[in-house]
Amino acid sequence: MRVSADKFCPQVTTRVTRIQMEADSEKNCFSRGAFIRTLAAAGLALPSCIKPAYSAYTVVSTGDIAEKQARLLEVEMSYAVNPSDPYIFGEKAQLEYDLKQLRANSQFVRKLSSDIEAGTGKFLQRLTLPVDDINAAVNFWRNGMGALVQSTRIENGANMTVMSFGPETLRRDDGGKFAIELVEAGQGVRGAPESQVFQYVQLGMPVFRLSQVMANGGEIVSAYGWTNLVAPGGIPLRVRIDESRRDPFEFVAIRASNMKAAIKHYEGLGMTAGKPSGGRKLDFAGSTIFEDSDALEPDREVGSVLMSFGDPSSSTGILLLPPKSRKALALPAPLRLRAVANTSPAQAPDVKSPDGLGIVFTTPEAYEASV
């Protein structure tokens, strides 16, 4: 069971927002919808004696495998005695789901760490964005999107806060998460999209609550199938529902003044280019007016190319968008990316794209020391 991120209180009824269970065909488990309806109909509240530490709500599974396994053994003993208790059942289902996700994530970070150390892998890990109001931005990402504050500091008089959906380190079972670093500077990234390098960030999230997004400063542009919104600081976001992603951050969309030069640049850094997005053909016989279209998948501009260091389904990439004019593209400071790679001292740590967007490469040792 995934419950709301609101603080647990004996006097407050817990709002059940999501239940994640792995269906077991041999045991005929309840469906998620059925369990939600059961709890809602009963009007159940979480008793003060129930401790949510091991199965509390997070957007993606977080925690230590050994601790969750130990807790699951305790819960299974309670479940054997009282299988009709919905709270025990819910915690058991959540722990089983978390363990499955954490084991997969742990395997990912171990292989990634090994590849980076061997010099065969790289990891796009952070996007730094300017915002005009750091308090509003942090509040939105934390309470509107469910991200976690990883660190905050003052540098040259500016507040710099790092947010992600889990630990950044590659040394934890739940680590290896992409992060955004919010820096209080200027007017953020507001401006005409066609004239800027940075375009938007796309996320695939298992849980997304429009009410919380709007209540915490998000401006909804559209919400049909997927959600197009603007976060505080003028940051455009595209959000779709996806329960399969290891990390909600899918890619950072940037516009290129020259697609051929941009693709060559990122390939030179070790990224792999995906197939260019094509135009959609009309199909009046199907359930939608376009062939191979998905109402739940955000549209991509024709000719856009996804670049990634690894499997796009498990790591964050860069979506290159073709130019819309011949004018130079604006790049508000301190917009930049960060990647982890076992680079040699002879290599430049900060590599800029043809449009000036820098990727700061950091060694595994320096990276771990920074997080």
Foldseek 3Di string as FASTA:
>chain_A
DEWDPPDADQVDFIDRFWADADQDPVVGDDDGVVLNVVCVVVSDGDHPVDDCVLQYHAQAQDDALVVLVVVLVVLVVVCVVPVPPSVSVRSNRRSVVSNVLLQVQLVVLVVQVVCQVVQNFKAFAEWEWEAQDVVLQVQLCCFQVRWDWPDWDADPNKIKTKTFRYACASPGSLHNTHIYIYINDDLIPDDDQLQAFFHAWEFATQDHDPVRNVVSAWAWPDPFLWTWIAGHRRHTYIYFYDPQASGGTQETETEDLDVVQQVVQLVVVQKDKDDFDADWDADPVDPDRTPPDDRNDDDDDGRKIWIDRDDSRHGYTYIYDYHPDNDQHDDDPPTEIEMEHQDDPVDDQWDAGPNGHIYGYDYSVVVVVVD
